[in-house]
């Protein structure tokens, strides 16, 4: 240390350096803005045209959804009757179809919820009955699976009576 007790102020930058830093920041912001503007998808030009006609018959979405899932249930039932699938697999497929219907129809994430979760949510009793009496015992227990034809009837009940 030197023998003096004087304090020296911190070094000050000159105005030229501050202006250079501000200029670099403005340049970077300008380049970023150009990248954003030039990489955005271009809007299609709106062409004036006649309005599209609304179809005279609009099908009820719930009815179409029910018909689709009833067809899937009938297919699983037919596969079981013709021997293309066993009883355990048929009940598993019926469970997936019913849970998928509930998910699509009402937004409840039934495919990933356990039976206890569905009971806590207070879902339609037909779903609880179908899963608890037909699908769970057939899928998870080592005993003989329940007849999938009974499970198919329960699945139809869920699809036709769901809210």
N, C-alpha and C. Protein backbone atom coordinates (compact mmCIF):
# COMPACT_ATOMS: atom_id res chain seq x y z
N UNK A 1 0.82 -1.18 0.00
CA UNK A 1 0.00 0.00 0.00
C UNK A 1 0.86 1.24 0.00
N UNK A 2 0.33 2.23 -0.58
CA UNK A 2 1.08 3.49 -0.56
C UNK A 2 0.88 4.17 0.78
N UNK A 3 1.65 5.07 1.06
CA UNK A 3 1.59 5.72 2.35
C UNK A 3 0.51 6.77 2.43
N UNK A 4 -0.28 6.97 1.41
CA UNK A 4 -1.31 8.00 1.46
C UNK A 4 -2.65 7.38 1.78
N UNK A 5 -3.49 8.10 2.43
CA UNK A 5 -4.83 7.62 2.79
C UNK A 5 -5.90 8.20 1.88
N UNK A 6 -5.54 8.56 0.70
CA UNK A 6 -6.51 9.14 -0.21
C UNK A 6 -7.34 8.04 -0.86
N UNK A 7 -8.60 8.34 -1.09
CA UNK A 7 -9.49 7.42 -1.80
C UNK A 7 -9.59 7.88 -3.25
N UNK A 8 -9.56 6.91 -4.11
CA UNK A 8 -9.67 7.21 -5.53
C UNK A 8 -11.07 6.82 -5.99
N UNK A 9 -11.75 7.65 -6.75
CA UNK A 9 -13.08 7.30 -7.24
C UNK A 9 -12.97 6.16 -8.27
N UNK A 10 -14.09 5.41 -8.44
CA UNK A 10 -14.04 4.34 -9.43
C UNK A 10 -13.86 4.90 -10.83
N UNK A 11 -13.29 4.08 -11.66
CA UNK A 11 -13.02 4.53 -13.02
C UNK A 11 -14.34 4.77 -13.73
N UNK A 12 -14.42 5.83 -14.45
CA UNK A 12 -15.64 6.21 -15.18
C UNK A 12 -15.43 5.89 -16.66
N UNK A 13 -16.50 5.36 -17.27
CA UNK A 13 -16.44 5.10 -18.70
C UNK A 13 -16.76 6.39 -19.42
N UNK A 14 -16.20 6.53 -20.56
CA UNK A 14 -16.47 7.70 -21.37
C UNK A 14 -17.80 7.56 -22.10
N UNK A 15 -18.32 8.67 -22.58
CA UNK A 15 -19.60 8.67 -23.29
C UNK A 15 -19.56 7.82 -24.54
N UNK A 16 -18.48 7.71 -25.14
CA UNK A 16 -18.36 6.93 -26.37
C UNK A 16 -18.70 5.46 -26.13
N UNK A 17 -18.25 4.92 -25.01
CA UNK A 17 -18.53 3.51 -24.70
C UNK A 17 -20.01 3.28 -24.42
N UNK A 18 -20.63 4.20 -23.72
CA UNK A 18 -22.07 4.06 -23.41
C UNK A 18 -22.88 4.12 -24.70
N UNK A 19 -22.55 5.05 -25.57
CA UNK A 19 -23.26 5.15 -26.85
C UNK A 19 -23.04 3.90 -27.69
N UNK A 20 -21.84 3.34 -27.65
CA UNK A 20 -21.57 2.12 -28.39
C UNK A 20 -22.43 0.96 -27.85
N UNK A 21 -22.54 0.83 -26.53
CA UNK A 21 -23.35 -0.23 -25.93
C UNK A 21 -24.82 -0.07 -26.30
N UNK A 22 -25.34 1.14 -26.25
CA UNK A 22 -26.73 1.39 -26.63
C UNK A 22 -26.93 1.08 -28.12
N UNK A 23 -26.00 1.44 -28.94
CA UNK A 23 -26.09 1.15 -30.37
C UNK A 23 -26.13 -0.35 -30.65
N UNK A 24 -25.30 -1.13 -29.94
CA UNK A 24 -25.29 -2.58 -30.12
C UNK A 24 -26.62 -3.17 -29.70
N UNK A 25 -27.18 -2.71 -28.57
CA UNK A 25 -28.48 -3.21 -28.12
C UNK A 25 -29.59 -2.89 -29.12
N UNK A 26 -29.58 -1.69 -29.68
CA UNK A 26 -30.57 -1.32 -30.68
C UNK A 26 -30.41 -2.19 -31.93
N UNK A 27 -29.18 -2.46 -32.32
CA UNK A 27 -28.91 -3.30 -33.48
C UNK A 27 -29.42 -4.73 -33.24
N UNK A 28 -29.18 -5.28 -32.08
CA UNK A 28 -29.66 -6.63 -31.75
C UNK A 28 -31.19 -6.67 -31.75
N UNK A 29 -31.84 -5.65 -31.18
CA UNK A 29 -33.31 -5.59 -31.17
C UNK A 29 -33.85 -5.48 -32.59
N UNK A 30 -33.19 -4.72 -33.43
CA UNK A 30 -33.64 -4.59 -34.82
C UNK A 30 -33.51 -5.90 -35.59
N UNK A 31 -32.43 -6.62 -35.37
CA UNK A 31 -32.24 -7.91 -36.04
C UNK A 31 -33.29 -8.91 -35.56
N UNK A 32 -33.57 -8.92 -34.25
CA UNK A 32 -34.58 -9.83 -33.72
C UNK A 32 -35.95 -9.50 -34.31
N UNK A 33 -36.26 -8.22 -34.43
CA UNK A 33 -37.55 -7.83 -35.01
C UNK A 33 -37.64 -8.28 -36.48
N UNK A 34 -36.56 -8.12 -37.23
CA UNK A 34 -36.55 -8.56 -38.62
C UNK A 34 -36.74 -10.07 -38.73
N UNK A 35 -36.08 -10.82 -37.87
CA UNK A 35 -36.23 -12.28 -37.90
C UNK A 35 -37.68 -12.66 -37.64
N UNK A 36 -38.30 -12.04 -36.65
CA UNK A 36 -39.69 -12.34 -36.34
C UNK A 36 -40.61 -11.98 -37.51
N UNK A 37 -40.43 -10.82 -38.06
CA UNK A 37 -41.29 -10.37 -39.15
C UNK A 37 -41.10 -11.23 -40.40
N UNK A 38 -39.89 -11.58 -40.72
CA UNK A 38 -39.64 -12.31 -41.96
C UNK A 38 -39.94 -13.80 -41.85
N UNK A 39 -40.02 -14.34 -40.66
CA UNK A 39 -40.30 -15.77 -40.51
C UNK A 39 -41.76 -16.06 -40.18
N UNK A 40 -42.57 -15.07 -39.98
CA UNK A 40 -44.00 -15.31 -39.71
C UNK A 40 -44.67 -15.81 -40.98
N UNK A 41 -45.66 -16.70 -40.82
CA UNK A 41 -46.38 -17.14 -42.02
C UNK A 41 -47.19 -15.98 -42.60
N UNK A 42 -47.25 -15.98 -43.87
CA UNK A 42 -47.97 -14.89 -44.54
C UNK A 42 -49.46 -15.16 -44.49
N UNK A 43 -50.20 -14.11 -44.32
CA UNK A 43 -51.66 -14.24 -44.33
C UNK A 43 -52.13 -14.36 -45.76
N UNK A 44 -53.11 -15.23 -45.94
CA UNK A 44 -53.70 -15.37 -47.27
C UNK A 44 -54.57 -14.15 -47.53
N UNK A 45 -54.55 -13.72 -48.74
CA UNK A 45 -55.39 -12.59 -49.11
C UNK A 45 -56.84 -13.02 -49.08
N UNK A 46 -57.64 -12.22 -48.46
CA UNK A 46 -59.06 -12.53 -48.37
C UNK A 46 -59.71 -12.26 -49.72
N UNK A 47 -60.26 -13.28 -50.30
CA UNK A 47 -60.93 -13.15 -51.58
C UNK A 47 -62.43 -13.08 -51.29
N UNK A 48 -63.04 -12.06 -51.78
CA UNK A 48 -64.47 -11.91 -51.57
C UNK A 48 -65.19 -13.00 -52.36
N UNK A 49 -65.93 -13.79 -51.65
CA UNK A 49 -66.68 -14.85 -52.31
C UNK A 49 -68.04 -14.95 -51.65
N UNK A 50 -68.87 -15.69 -52.29
CA UNK A 50 -70.21 -15.88 -51.76
C UNK A 50 -70.11 -16.70 -50.47
N UNK A 51 -70.93 -16.41 -49.49
CA UNK A 51 -70.87 -17.19 -48.25
C UNK A 51 -71.21 -18.65 -48.54
N UNK A 52 -70.51 -19.52 -47.82
CA UNK A 52 -70.76 -20.95 -48.01
C UNK A 52 -72.12 -21.30 -47.44
N UNK A 53 -72.87 -22.08 -48.20
CA UNK A 53 -74.21 -22.42 -47.71
C UNK A 53 -74.13 -23.39 -46.53
N UNK A 54 -75.01 -23.19 -45.59
CA UNK A 54 -75.10 -24.07 -44.44
C UNK A 54 -75.91 -25.30 -44.85
N UNK A 55 -75.41 -26.50 -44.57
CA UNK A 55 -76.18 -27.68 -44.95
C UNK A 55 -77.55 -27.67 -44.29
N UNK A 56 -78.50 -28.18 -45.02
CA UNK A 56 -79.88 -28.20 -44.50
C UNK A 56 -80.00 -29.15 -43.32
N UNK A 57 -79.23 -30.24 -43.33
CA UNK A 57 -79.31 -31.22 -42.25
C UNK A 57 -78.01 -31.21 -41.47
N UNK A 58 -78.08 -30.86 -40.22
CA UNK A 58 -76.91 -30.96 -39.36
C UNK A 58 -77.18 -32.03 -38.32
N UNK A 59 -76.36 -33.04 -38.32
CA UNK A 59 -76.56 -34.16 -37.40
C UNK A 59 -76.19 -33.75 -35.99
N UNK A 60 -76.92 -34.27 -35.06
CA UNK A 60 -76.63 -34.04 -33.66
C UNK A 60 -75.34 -34.77 -33.33
N UNK A 61 -74.37 -34.06 -32.78
CA UNK A 61 -73.06 -34.64 -32.51
C UNK A 61 -73.17 -35.79 -31.51
N UNK A 62 -74.00 -35.64 -30.49
CA UNK A 62 -74.15 -36.69 -29.49
C UNK A 62 -74.73 -37.96 -30.12
N UNK A 63 -75.66 -37.80 -31.04
CA UNK A 63 -76.25 -38.97 -31.70
C UNK A 63 -75.22 -39.69 -32.55
N UNK A 64 -74.42 -38.93 -33.27
CA UNK A 64 -73.38 -39.53 -34.11
C UNK A 64 -72.36 -40.25 -33.23
N UNK A 65 -71.98 -39.63 -32.12
CA UNK A 65 -71.02 -40.24 -31.21
C UNK A 65 -71.58 -41.53 -30.61
N UNK A 66 -72.83 -41.50 -30.24
CA UNK A 66 -73.46 -42.72 -29.69
C UNK A 66 -73.49 -43.83 -30.74
N UNK A 67 -73.85 -43.50 -31.96
CA UNK A 67 -73.89 -44.51 -33.02
C UNK A 67 -72.51 -45.10 -33.27
N UNK A 68 -71.51 -44.26 -33.25
CA UNK A 68 -70.14 -44.73 -33.48
C UNK A 68 -69.73 -45.73 -32.39
N UNK A 69 -70.01 -45.42 -31.14
CA UNK A 69 -69.60 -46.30 -30.05
C UNK A 69 -70.48 -47.53 -29.95
N UNK A 70 -71.75 -47.41 -30.30
CA UNK A 70 -72.59 -48.60 -30.33
C UNK A 70 -72.10 -49.57 -31.41
N UNK A 71 -71.62 -49.04 -32.51
CA UNK A 71 -71.03 -49.88 -33.56
C UNK A 71 -69.77 -50.58 -33.08
N UNK A 72 -68.95 -49.87 -32.31
CA UNK A 72 -67.73 -50.49 -31.77
C UNK A 72 -68.08 -51.61 -30.78
N UNK A 73 -69.11 -51.39 -29.98
CA UNK A 73 -69.55 -52.42 -29.03
C UNK A 73 -70.06 -53.64 -29.80
N UNK A 74 -70.82 -53.42 -30.84
CA UNK A 74 -71.34 -54.52 -31.64
C UNK A 74 -70.20 -55.30 -32.30
N UNK A 75 -69.16 -54.61 -32.72
CA UNK A 75 -68.01 -55.28 -33.34
C UNK A 75 -67.28 -56.16 -32.32
N UNK A 76 -67.09 -55.66 -31.11
CA UNK A 76 -66.44 -56.46 -30.07
C UNK A 76 -67.28 -57.69 -29.75
N UNK A 77 -68.58 -57.49 -29.67
CA UNK A 77 -69.49 -58.61 -29.39
C UNK A 77 -69.42 -59.65 -30.51
N UNK A 78 -69.38 -59.19 -31.75
CA UNK A 78 -69.30 -60.11 -32.89
C UNK A 78 -67.97 -60.87 -32.90
N UNK A 79 -66.88 -60.17 -32.57
CA UNK A 79 -65.58 -60.84 -32.50
C UNK A 79 -65.58 -61.93 -31.44
N UNK A 80 -66.23 -61.69 -30.32
CA UNK A 80 -66.29 -62.70 -29.26
C UNK A 80 -67.14 -63.89 -29.70
N UNK A 81 -68.28 -63.60 -30.28
CA UNK A 81 -69.18 -64.68 -30.72
C UNK A 81 -68.52 -65.57 -31.77
N UNK A 82 -67.71 -64.97 -32.64
CA UNK A 82 -67.07 -65.74 -33.71
C UNK A 82 -65.74 -66.35 -33.27
N UNK A 83 -65.36 -66.14 -32.03
CA UNK A 83 -64.16 -66.76 -31.50
C UNK A 83 -62.86 -66.07 -31.86
N UNK A 84 -62.90 -64.85 -32.37
CA UNK A 84 -61.68 -64.12 -32.73
C UNK A 84 -61.00 -63.52 -31.50
N UNK A 85 -61.72 -63.45 -30.39
CA UNK A 85 -61.15 -62.90 -29.15
C UNK A 85 -61.71 -63.69 -27.98
N UNK A 86 -60.96 -63.72 -26.90
CA UNK A 86 -61.43 -64.45 -25.72
C UNK A 86 -62.23 -63.50 -24.82
N UNK A 87 -62.82 -64.06 -23.77
CA UNK A 87 -63.72 -63.30 -22.91
C UNK A 87 -62.99 -62.18 -22.17
N UNK A 88 -61.79 -62.46 -21.69
CA UNK A 88 -61.04 -61.45 -20.94
C UNK A 88 -60.70 -60.27 -21.85
N UNK A 89 -60.24 -60.55 -23.04
CA UNK A 89 -59.89 -59.49 -23.99
C UNK A 89 -61.13 -58.71 -24.42
N UNK A 90 -62.25 -59.39 -24.62
CA UNK A 90 -63.48 -58.71 -25.02
C UNK A 90 -63.93 -57.74 -23.93
N UNK A 91 -63.84 -58.17 -22.66
CA UNK A 91 -64.21 -57.27 -21.56
C UNK A 91 -63.25 -56.09 -21.46
N UNK A 92 -61.97 -56.32 -21.71
CA UNK A 92 -61.00 -55.23 -21.71
C UNK A 92 -61.33 -54.23 -22.82
N UNK A 93 -61.65 -54.74 -24.00
CA UNK A 93 -62.00 -53.85 -25.11
C UNK A 93 -63.29 -53.08 -24.83
N UNK A 94 -64.25 -53.75 -24.22
CA UNK A 94 -65.50 -53.06 -23.86
C UNK A 94 -65.24 -51.95 -22.84
N UNK A 95 -64.37 -52.23 -21.88
CA UNK A 95 -64.03 -51.21 -20.90
C UNK A 95 -63.38 -50.00 -21.58
N UNK A 96 -62.48 -50.25 -22.50
CA UNK A 96 -61.82 -49.15 -23.23
C UNK A 96 -62.82 -48.34 -24.04
N UNK A 97 -63.74 -49.03 -24.69
CA UNK A 97 -64.73 -48.34 -25.52
C UNK A 97 -65.64 -47.47 -24.66
N UNK A 98 -66.11 -48.01 -23.56
CA UNK A 98 -67.02 -47.25 -22.69
C UNK A 98 -66.30 -46.04 -22.10
N UNK A 99 -65.09 -46.25 -21.64
CA UNK A 99 -64.33 -45.13 -21.07
C UNK A 99 -64.01 -44.08 -22.14
N UNK A 100 -63.71 -44.53 -23.35
CA UNK A 100 -63.47 -43.59 -24.44
C UNK A 100 -64.71 -42.78 -24.78
N UNK A 101 -65.87 -43.43 -24.75
CA UNK A 101 -67.12 -42.71 -25.01
C UNK A 101 -67.34 -41.62 -23.97
N UNK A 102 -67.17 -41.98 -22.70
CA UNK A 102 -67.37 -41.01 -21.62
C UNK A 102 -66.40 -39.85 -21.78
N UNK A 103 -65.16 -40.15 -22.16
CA UNK A 103 -64.18 -39.09 -22.36
C UNK A 103 -64.59 -38.17 -23.49
N UNK A 104 -64.97 -38.71 -24.61
CA UNK A 104 -65.35 -37.88 -25.75
C UNK A 104 -66.65 -37.12 -25.52
N UNK A 105 -67.59 -37.75 -24.86
CA UNK A 105 -68.91 -37.15 -24.68
C UNK A 105 -68.87 -36.04 -23.65
N UNK A 106 -68.20 -36.29 -22.51
CA UNK A 106 -68.28 -35.33 -21.42
C UNK A 106 -66.95 -34.71 -21.02
N UNK A 107 -65.84 -35.18 -21.55
CA UNK A 107 -64.56 -34.62 -21.19
C UNK A 107 -63.95 -35.20 -19.93
N UNK A 108 -64.65 -36.09 -19.27
CA UNK A 108 -64.11 -36.74 -18.08
C UNK A 108 -63.01 -37.70 -18.54
N UNK A 109 -61.87 -37.65 -17.91
CA UNK A 109 -60.74 -38.48 -18.33
C UNK A 109 -60.89 -39.91 -17.83
N UNK A 110 -61.98 -40.54 -18.20
CA UNK A 110 -62.31 -41.89 -17.74
C UNK A 110 -61.27 -42.93 -18.13
N UNK A 111 -60.58 -42.83 -19.28
CA UNK A 111 -59.61 -43.86 -19.61
C UNK A 111 -58.45 -43.97 -18.63
N UNK A 112 -58.16 -42.93 -17.89
CA UNK A 112 -57.01 -42.97 -16.97
C UNK A 112 -57.42 -42.95 -15.50
N UNK A 113 -58.73 -42.94 -15.22
CA UNK A 113 -59.19 -42.90 -13.84
C UNK A 113 -59.55 -44.29 -13.35
N UNK A 114 -59.25 -44.54 -12.09
CA UNK A 114 -59.63 -45.82 -11.47
C UNK A 114 -61.11 -45.76 -11.09
N UNK A 115 -61.66 -46.91 -10.77
CA UNK A 115 -63.07 -46.99 -10.40
C UNK A 115 -63.35 -46.12 -9.18
N UNK A 116 -62.46 -46.13 -8.19
CA UNK A 116 -62.67 -45.30 -7.00
C UNK A 116 -62.71 -43.81 -7.35
N UNK A 117 -61.89 -43.39 -8.29
CA UNK A 117 -61.90 -41.99 -8.72
C UNK A 117 -63.23 -41.64 -9.38
N UNK A 118 -63.72 -42.54 -10.20
CA UNK A 118 -65.00 -42.29 -10.87
C UNK A 118 -66.15 -42.23 -9.86
N UNK A 119 -66.09 -43.10 -8.85
CA UNK A 119 -67.13 -43.07 -7.81
C UNK A 119 -67.07 -41.75 -7.06
N UNK A 120 -65.86 -41.29 -6.71
CA UNK A 120 -65.71 -40.01 -6.00
C UNK A 120 -66.23 -38.84 -6.84
N UNK A 121 -66.08 -38.94 -8.14
CA UNK A 121 -66.55 -37.86 -9.02
C UNK A 121 -68.06 -37.86 -9.16
N UNK A 122 -68.69 -38.96 -8.81
CA UNK A 122 -70.15 -39.05 -8.90
C UNK A 122 -70.64 -39.18 -10.33
N UNK A 123 -69.95 -39.96 -11.14
CA UNK A 123 -70.38 -40.14 -12.53
C UNK A 123 -71.65 -40.97 -12.59
N UNK A 124 -72.18 -41.10 -13.76
CA UNK A 124 -73.43 -41.83 -13.99
C UNK A 124 -73.33 -43.25 -13.41
N UNK A 125 -74.35 -43.71 -12.69
CA UNK A 125 -74.29 -45.03 -12.06
C UNK A 125 -74.13 -46.18 -13.06
N UNK A 126 -74.58 -46.02 -14.28
CA UNK A 126 -74.45 -47.09 -15.27
C UNK A 126 -72.98 -47.38 -15.55
N UNK A 127 -72.13 -46.34 -15.57
CA UNK A 127 -70.70 -46.55 -15.79
C UNK A 127 -70.07 -47.27 -14.61
N UNK A 128 -70.40 -46.86 -13.41
CA UNK A 128 -69.87 -47.50 -12.21
C UNK A 128 -70.27 -48.97 -12.19
N UNK A 129 -71.53 -49.24 -12.51
CA UNK A 129 -72.03 -50.61 -12.50
C UNK A 129 -71.32 -51.47 -13.55
N UNK A 130 -71.17 -50.93 -14.75
CA UNK A 130 -70.53 -51.69 -15.83
C UNK A 130 -69.08 -52.01 -15.49
N UNK A 131 -68.36 -51.05 -14.98
CA UNK A 131 -66.95 -51.28 -14.66
C UNK A 131 -66.82 -52.21 -13.45
N UNK A 132 -67.59 -51.92 -12.41
CA UNK A 132 -67.46 -52.69 -11.17
C UNK A 132 -67.96 -54.12 -11.25
N UNK A 133 -69.00 -54.36 -12.01
CA UNK A 133 -69.57 -55.71 -12.08
C UNK A 133 -69.05 -56.55 -13.23
N UNK A 134 -68.67 -55.91 -14.31
CA UNK A 134 -68.30 -56.67 -15.50
C UNK A 134 -66.82 -56.60 -15.85
N UNK A 135 -66.29 -55.40 -15.96
CA UNK A 135 -64.96 -55.25 -16.53
C UNK A 135 -63.85 -55.51 -15.53
N UNK A 136 -63.91 -54.91 -14.35
CA UNK A 136 -62.86 -55.14 -13.35
C UNK A 136 -62.73 -56.61 -12.97
N UNK A 137 -63.84 -57.29 -12.63
CA UNK A 137 -63.67 -58.71 -12.27
C UNK A 137 -63.11 -59.55 -13.42
N UNK A 138 -63.46 -59.21 -14.63
CA UNK A 138 -62.99 -60.00 -15.78
C UNK A 138 -61.54 -59.71 -16.12
N UNK A 139 -61.12 -58.50 -15.89
CA UNK A 139 -59.78 -58.10 -16.30
C UNK A 139 -58.74 -58.40 -15.21
N UNK A 140 -59.07 -58.12 -13.96
CA UNK A 140 -58.06 -58.16 -12.91
C UNK A 140 -58.07 -59.41 -12.03
N UNK A 141 -59.15 -60.13 -11.98
CA UNK A 141 -59.19 -61.31 -11.13
C UNK A 141 -58.74 -62.54 -11.89
N UNK A 142 -58.22 -63.52 -11.17
CA UNK A 142 -57.74 -64.74 -11.81
C UNK A 142 -58.88 -65.72 -12.08
N UNK A 143 -60.06 -65.45 -11.57
CA UNK A 143 -61.19 -66.34 -11.81
C UNK A 143 -61.62 -66.22 -13.27
N UNK A 144 -62.55 -67.07 -13.64
CA UNK A 144 -63.06 -67.05 -15.02
C UNK A 144 -63.71 -65.69 -15.28
N UNK A 145 -63.45 -65.13 -16.44
CA UNK A 145 -64.04 -63.83 -16.76
C UNK A 145 -65.56 -63.91 -16.92
N UNK A 146 -66.18 -62.79 -16.69
CA UNK A 146 -67.64 -62.69 -16.85
C UNK A 146 -67.95 -62.69 -18.34
N UNK A 147 -69.10 -63.20 -18.68
CA UNK A 147 -69.53 -63.29 -20.07
C UNK A 147 -69.52 -61.91 -20.72
N UNK A 148 -68.77 -61.72 -21.79
CA UNK A 148 -68.71 -60.41 -22.44
C UNK A 148 -70.05 -59.96 -23.03
N UNK A 149 -70.95 -60.88 -23.27
CA UNK A 149 -72.25 -60.48 -23.80
C UNK A 149 -73.01 -59.67 -22.75
N UNK A 150 -72.85 -60.02 -21.49
CA UNK A 150 -73.43 -59.23 -20.41
C UNK A 150 -72.73 -57.87 -20.34
N UNK A 151 -71.40 -57.89 -20.51
CA UNK A 151 -70.64 -56.64 -20.52
C UNK A 151 -71.02 -55.75 -21.70
N UNK A 152 -71.35 -56.36 -22.84
CA UNK A 152 -71.77 -55.57 -24.00
C UNK A 152 -73.11 -54.89 -23.73
N UNK A 153 -74.02 -55.61 -23.07
CA UNK A 153 -75.30 -54.99 -22.70
C UNK A 153 -75.08 -53.83 -21.74
N UNK A 154 -74.17 -54.02 -20.79
CA UNK A 154 -73.87 -52.93 -19.85
C UNK A 154 -73.24 -51.74 -20.58
N UNK A 155 -72.39 -52.02 -21.55
CA UNK A 155 -71.77 -50.94 -22.33
C UNK A 155 -72.82 -50.18 -23.14
N UNK A 156 -73.77 -50.90 -23.73
CA UNK A 156 -74.85 -50.24 -24.47
C UNK A 156 -75.67 -49.35 -23.53
N UNK A 157 -75.90 -49.83 -22.31
CA UNK A 157 -76.65 -49.04 -21.34
C UNK A 157 -75.92 -47.74 -21.03
N UNK A 158 -74.60 -47.82 -20.85
CA UNK A 158 -73.83 -46.61 -20.58
C UNK A 158 -73.91 -45.64 -21.74
N UNK A 159 -73.74 -46.15 -22.95
CA UNK A 159 -73.72 -45.26 -24.13
C UNK A 159 -75.09 -44.63 -24.37
N UNK A 160 -76.16 -45.39 -24.17
CA UNK A 160 -77.48 -44.84 -24.48
C UNK A 160 -78.06 -43.99 -23.35
N UNK A 161 -77.61 -44.19 -22.11
CA UNK A 161 -78.19 -43.43 -21.00
C UNK A 161 -77.29 -42.35 -20.46
N UNK A 162 -76.08 -42.20 -21.02
CA UNK A 162 -75.16 -41.19 -20.50
C UNK A 162 -75.76 -39.82 -20.70
N UNK A 163 -75.67 -39.00 -19.72
CA UNK A 163 -76.24 -37.65 -19.67
C UNK A 163 -76.58 -37.17 -21.02
